[in-house]
C-alpha atoms as a PDB file:
ATOM      1  CA  MET A   1      -0.026   0.061  -0.115  1.00  0.00           C
ATOM      2  CA  GLU A   2       1.527   3.246  -1.027  1.00  0.00           C
ATOM      3  CA  LYS A   3       1.093   6.117   1.705  1.00  0.00           C
ATOM      4  CA  HIS A   4       0.955   9.661   0.316  1.00  0.00           C
ATOM      5  CA  CYS A   5       2.809  13.002   1.639  1.00  0.00           C
ATOM      6  CA  LEU A   6       0.571  14.566   4.112  1.00  0.00           C
ATOM      7  CA  ASP A   7       1.822  17.975   2.337  1.00  0.00           C
ATOM      8  CA  CYS A   8       2.257  17.513  -1.294  1.00  0.00           C
ATOM      9  CA  ASN A   9       0.349  14.213  -1.843  1.00  0.00           C
ATOM     10  CA  GLU A  10       3.444  12.736  -3.193  1.00  0.00           C
ATOM     11  CA  ILE A  11       4.311   8.748  -2.472  1.00  0.00           C
ATOM     12  CA  ILE A  12       6.267   8.573   0.288  1.00  0.00           C
ATOM     13  CA  LYS A  13       9.735   6.403   0.023  1.00  0.00           C
ATOM     14  CA  GLY A  14      11.469   5.000   3.472  1.00  0.00           C
ATOM     15  CA  ARG A  15       9.761   4.262   6.465  1.00  0.00           C
ATOM     16  CA  SER A  16       6.409   2.866   7.110  1.00  0.00           C
ATOM     17  CA  ASP A  17       5.454   5.205   9.636  1.00  0.00           C
ATOM     18  CA  LYS A  18       6.882   8.123   7.472  1.00  0.00           C
ATOM     19  CA  LYS A  19       4.001  10.866   6.882  1.00  0.00           C
ATOM     20  CA  PHE A  20       6.091  13.396   4.733  1.00  0.00           C
ATOM     21  CA  CYS A  21       8.456  12.992   1.963  1.00  0.00           C
ATOM     22  CA  ASP A  22      11.270  15.531   3.365  1.00  0.00           C
ATOM     23  CA  ASP A  23      11.093  18.102   6.419  1.00  0.00           C
ATOM     24  CA  GLN A  24      10.556  21.039   4.158  1.00  0.00           C
ATOM     25  CA  CYS A  25       6.884  19.466   3.573  1.00  0.00           C
ATOM     26  CA  ARG A  26       7.064  18.582   7.291  1.00  0.00           C
ATOM     27  CA  THR A  27       7.419  22.207   7.782  1.00  0.00           C
ATOM     28  CA  ASN A  28       4.735  23.646   5.501  1.00  0.00           C
ATOM     29  CA  TYR A  29       2.277  21.315   6.604  1.00  0.00           C
ATOM     30  CA  ASN A  30       2.892  22.118  10.642  1.00  0.00           C
ATOM     31  CA  ASN A  31       2.786  26.003   9.907  1.00  0.00           C
ATOM     32  CA  LYS A  32      -0.409  25.697   7.650  1.00  0.00           C
ATOM     33  CA  ILE A  33      -2.096  24.072  10.703  1.00  0.00           C
ATOM     34  CA  LYS A  34      -0.608  26.787  13.329  1.00  0.00           C
ATOM     35  CA  ILE A  35      -1.689  29.704  11.330  1.00  0.00           C
ATOM     36  CA  GLU A  36      -4.975  28.314  11.347  1.00  0.00           C
ATOM     37  CA  VAL A  37      -5.385  27.704  14.831  1.00  0.00           C
ATOM     38  CA  THR A  38      -3.448  31.275  15.536  1.00  0.00           C
ATOM     39  CA  GLY A  39      -6.078  32.777  13.496  1.00  0.00           C
ATOM     40  CA  SER A  40      -9.035  31.544  15.522  1.00  0.00           C
ATOM     41  CA  LEU A  41      -7.106  32.622  18.631  1.00  0.00           C
ATOM     42  CA  LYS A  42      -6.634  36.157  17.356  1.00  0.00           C
ATOM     43  CA  THR A  43     -10.393  36.747  16.049  1.00  0.00           C
ATOM     44  CA  ILE A  44     -11.799  35.423  19.685  1.00  0.00           C
ATOM     45  CA  ASN A  45      -8.979  37.437  21.486  1.00  0.00           C
ATOM     46  CA  LYS A  46     -10.264  39.916  19.334  1.00  0.00           C
ATOM     47  CA  ILE A  47     -13.953  39.705  20.467  1.00  0.00           C
ATOM     48  CA  LEU A  48     -13.680  39.023  24.022  1.00  0.00           C
ATOM     49  CA  LYS A  49     -11.029  42.596  24.316  1.00  0.00           C
ATOM     50  CA  GLN A  50     -13.919  44.529  22.724  1.00  0.00           C
ATOM     51  CA  ASN A  51     -16.836  42.942  25.184  1.00  0.00           C
ATOM     52  CA  ARG A  52     -14.317  43.887  28.156  1.00  0.00           C
ATOM     53  CA  SER A  53     -13.509  47.526  26.612  1.00  0.00           C
ATOM     54  CA  ILE A  54     -17.484  47.823  26.317  1.00  0.00           C
ATOM     55  CA  LEU A  55     -17.737  46.627  29.786  1.00  0.00           C
ATOM     56  CA  GLU A  56     -15.065  48.892  31.596  1.00  0.00           C
ATOM     57  CA  LYS A  57     -16.363  51.998  29.452  1.00  0.00           C
ATOM     58  CA  LEU A  58     -20.058  51.249  30.908  1.00  0.00           C
ATOM     59  CA  CYS A  59     -19.534  49.955  34.261  1.00  0.00           C
ATOM     60  CA  VAL A  60     -18.467  53.294  36.175  1.00  0.00           C
ATOM     61  CA  ASP A  61     -17.386  53.043  39.644  1.00  0.00           C
ATOM     62  CA  GLY A  62     -17.193  49.171  39.625  1.00  0.00           C
ATOM     63  CA  LYS A  63     -21.065  49.000  39.389  1.00  0.00           C
ATOM     64  CA  ALA A  64     -23.832  49.879  36.892  1.00  0.00           C
ATOM     65  CA  LYS A  65     -26.879  48.970  35.524  1.00  0.00           C
ATOM     66  CA  THR A  66     -27.530  49.069  31.327  1.00  0.00           C
ATOM     67  CA  SER A  67     -29.894  47.681  29.223  1.00  0.00           C
ATOM     68  CA  LYS A  68     -29.219  45.150  26.509  1.00  0.00           C
ATOM     69  CA  VAL A  69     -30.090  47.336  23.793  1.00  0.00           C
ATOM     70  CA  LYS A  70     -27.124  49.930  25.008  1.00  0.00           C
ATOM     71  CA  LEU A  71     -25.104  46.723  24.961  1.00  0.00           C
ATOM     72  CA  VAL A  72     -25.473  45.649  21.494  1.00  0.00           C
ATOM     73  CA  GLN A  73     -25.340  49.480  20.420  1.00  0.00           C
ATOM     74  CA  HIS A  74     -21.927  49.222  21.233  1.00  0.00           C
ATOM     75  CA  GLY A  75     -21.064  45.871  19.666  1.00  0.00           C
ATOM     76  CA  PHE A  76     -21.236  43.407  22.790  1.00  0.00           C
ATOM     77  CA  ASN A  77     -20.777  40.065  21.487  1.00  0.00           C
ATOM     78  CA  PHE A  78     -22.812  37.827  24.350  1.00  0.00           C
ATOM     79  CA  GLY A  79     -21.453  34.250  22.780  1.00  0.00           C
ATOM     80  CA  TYR A  80     -17.904  35.368  23.934  1.00  0.00           C
ATOM     81  CA  PHE A  81     -17.025  35.506  27.817  1.00  0.00           C
ATOM     82  CA  THR A  82     -13.772  34.418  29.806  1.00  0.00           C
ATOM     83  CA  HIS A  83     -15.491  32.546  32.665  1.00  0.00           C
ATOM     84  CA  LEU A  84     -18.369  32.153  34.964  1.00  0.00           C
ATOM     85  CA  TYR A  85     -19.314  32.779  38.454  1.00  0.00           C
ATOM     86  CA  GLU A  86     -21.992  31.615  40.636  1.00  0.00           C
ATOM     87  CA  THR A  87     -22.795  33.690  43.868  1.00  0.00           C
ATOM     88  CA  GLN A  88     -24.539  31.636  46.786  1.00  0.00           C
ATOM     89  CA  LYS A  89     -27.938  32.970  45.508  1.00  0.00           C
ATOM     90  CA  GLY A  90     -27.630  30.768  42.548  1.00  0.00           C
ATOM     91  CA  GLN A  91     -26.992  33.765  40.125  1.00  0.00           C
ATOM     92  CA  THR A  92     -24.300  33.451  37.192  1.00  0.00           C
ATOM     93  CA  TYR A  93     -22.166  36.068  36.220  1.00  0.00           C
ATOM     94  CA  LYS A  94     -20.508  35.959  32.819  1.00  0.00           C
ATOM     95  CA  PHE A  95     -17.069  37.597  32.985  1.00  0.00           C
ATOM     96  CA  CYS A  96     -14.640  39.029  30.536  1.00  0.00           C
ATOM     97  CA  TYR A  97     -11.892  39.146  32.390  1.00  0.00           C
ATOM     98  CA  GLU A  98     -12.443  41.068  35.251  1.00  0.00           C
ATOM     99  CA  PHE A  99     -15.692  42.735  33.932  1.00  0.00           C
ATOM    100  CA  GLY A 100     -18.868  40.494  34.486  1.00  0.00           C
ATOM    101  CA  TYR A 101     -22.876  40.839  34.085  1.00  0.00           C
ATOM    102  CA  LEU A 102     -25.433  39.608  35.437  1.00  0.00           C
ATOM    103  CA  ALA A 103     -28.640  39.036  33.502  1.00  0.00           C
ATOM    104  CA  LEU A 104     -31.793  40.696  35.069  1.00  0.00           C
ATOM    105  CA  GLU A 105     -35.239  41.118  33.968  1.00  0.00           C
ATOM    106  CA  GLN A 106     -36.729  43.023  31.187  1.00  0.00           C
ATOM    107  CA  ASP A 107     -33.283  43.072  28.934  1.00  0.00           C
ATOM    108  CA  TRP A 108     -31.387  45.001  31.664  1.00  0.00           C
ATOM    109  CA  PHE A 109     -28.073  44.133  33.117  1.00  0.00           C
ATOM    110  CA  LEU A 110     -26.133  44.549  36.039  1.00  0.00           C
ATOM    111  CA  LEU A 111     -22.104  45.246  35.489  1.00  0.00           C
ATOM    112  CA  VAL A 112     -19.275  44.626  38.005  1.00  0.00           C
ATOM    113  CA  LYS A 113     -15.577  44.772  37.966  1.00  0.00           C
ATOM    114  CA  ARG A 114     -14.165  42.241  40.050  1.00  0.00           C
ATOM    115  CA  ASN A 115     -11.551  42.884  42.244  1.00  0.00           C
ATOM    116  CA  GLU A 116     -10.656  41.089  45.991  1.00  0.00           C
ATOM    117  CA  ASN A 117     -13.484  42.799  47.971  1.00  0.00           C
ATOM    118  CA  ASN A 118     -16.572  42.098  45.636  1.00  0.00           C
ATOM    119  CA  VAL A 119     -18.325  39.114  43.476  1.00  0.00           C
END
């Protein structure tokens, strides 16, 4: 059974466990994978940083209340956050780094800045 190089698809000669025909193909293949992963991470990090920036702008004095409409107008993306925090009362805050938000009634949100003394 012939094996083909994962990069250039040429027939591989040599060891049976070989995946690439030479070092150049191995390097090309691994660089392609690295670029794809790095591109995805850059996109996600950009969204997270934008969300953090919006929360920072709207969260005056470490605590604020705002509407969903206002967050969306600023470009907030609710699908991306860094972590969750559940209070003893069972409320779940979503955080973008040190800034978090809690969904309230009627599309309102409580915004907080996390530090050692609160949330």
